[in-house]
Protein backbone atom coordinates (compact mmCIF):
# COMPACT_ATOMS: atom_id res chain seq x y z
CA MET A 1 -0.02 -0.01 0.01
CA LYS A 2 1.21 3.49 -0.84
CA VAL A 3 0.02 6.90 0.18
CA THR A 4 0.97 9.94 -1.93
CA TYR A 5 0.09 13.53 -1.23
CA PHE A 6 0.13 16.12 -3.96
CA HIS A 7 0.71 19.58 -2.42
CA ASP A 8 -0.11 21.53 -5.55
CA THR A 9 -3.59 20.11 -5.87
CA ASP A 10 -4.20 19.17 -2.12
CA THR A 11 -5.00 15.62 -3.26
CA ALA A 12 -4.24 12.34 -1.47
CA LEU A 13 -3.84 9.10 -3.43
CA ILE A 14 -4.01 5.81 -1.48
CA GLU A 15 -2.97 2.83 -3.62
CA PHE A 16 -4.03 -0.62 -2.42
CA SER A 17 -2.78 -2.71 -5.33
CA THR A 18 -1.30 -2.42 -8.81
CA HIS A 19 -4.27 -4.15 -10.51
CA ASP A 20 -5.87 -2.50 -13.61
CA VAL A 21 -8.73 -0.08 -12.94
CA VAL A 22 -11.93 -0.94 -14.67
CA GLU A 23 -14.30 1.46 -12.96
CA THR A 24 -14.14 4.59 -10.77
CA LYS A 25 -16.88 5.15 -8.25
CA GLU A 26 -17.68 8.49 -6.72
CA ILE A 27 -18.14 7.98 -2.97
CA SER A 28 -18.80 11.65 -2.29
CA GLU A 29 -17.95 15.01 -3.98
CA ASN A 30 -14.31 14.68 -3.01
CA ILE A 31 -13.69 10.89 -2.64
CA TYR A 32 -13.28 8.44 -5.49
CA ILE A 33 -12.54 4.68 -5.37
CA ASP A 34 -10.93 2.83 -8.34
CA ILE A 35 -12.12 -0.70 -8.65
CA ASP A 36 -10.58 -3.68 -10.44
CA VAL A 37 -12.34 -6.38 -12.60
CA SER A 38 -13.11 -8.41 -9.45
CA GLY A 39 -14.72 -5.45 -7.69
CA ASN A 40 -11.74 -4.97 -5.30
CA PRO A 41 -10.45 -1.49 -4.47
CA VAL A 42 -7.30 -0.51 -6.37
CA SER A 43 -6.93 3.04 -5.09
CA MET A 44 -8.75 5.90 -3.43
CA THR A 45 -8.44 9.59 -4.37
CA ILE A 46 -9.22 12.22 -1.81
CA GLU A 47 -9.52 15.89 -3.04
CA HIS A 48 -9.22 18.77 -0.64
CA ALA A 49 -7.28 16.39 1.60
CA LYS A 50 -6.28 19.00 4.13
CA GLN A 51 -9.93 19.56 5.15
CA ASN A 52 -11.13 16.00 4.58
CA THR A 53 -8.37 14.02 6.31
CA ASP A 54 -5.83 14.12 9.06
CA LEU A 55 -2.83 13.35 6.88
CA PRO A 56 -0.18 14.86 9.10
CA ASN A 57 -1.05 12.25 11.70
CA LEU A 58 -1.15 9.26 9.34
CA SER A 59 0.08 6.14 11.02
CA TYR A 60 0.17 2.47 10.28
CA MET A 61 -0.05 -0.27 12.93
CA PRO A 62 -0.60 -3.97 12.14
CA ILE A 63 -2.87 -5.63 14.61
CA GLY A 64 -2.33 -9.30 15.49
CA TYR A 65 0.73 -9.52 13.32
CA ALA A 66 3.47 -11.91 14.31
CA ALA A 67 6.85 -11.00 12.77
CA PRO A 68 8.71 -13.89 11.22
CA ASN A 69 11.72 -15.24 13.21
């Protein structure tokens, strides 16, 4: 997964996979989800990200993950 923020357009792009996009669904006026052929999310675009997200405090924490020995 990859999160990219574009300062010039105040847009956040969250990529879940590298699958080909076959459809884009508008979730709200500023949020779009790209879907693959199986109906799985490929990416999400969030416009006006500063007012619609808390990007400066983005964190990642796996729950129930056991690291390999």
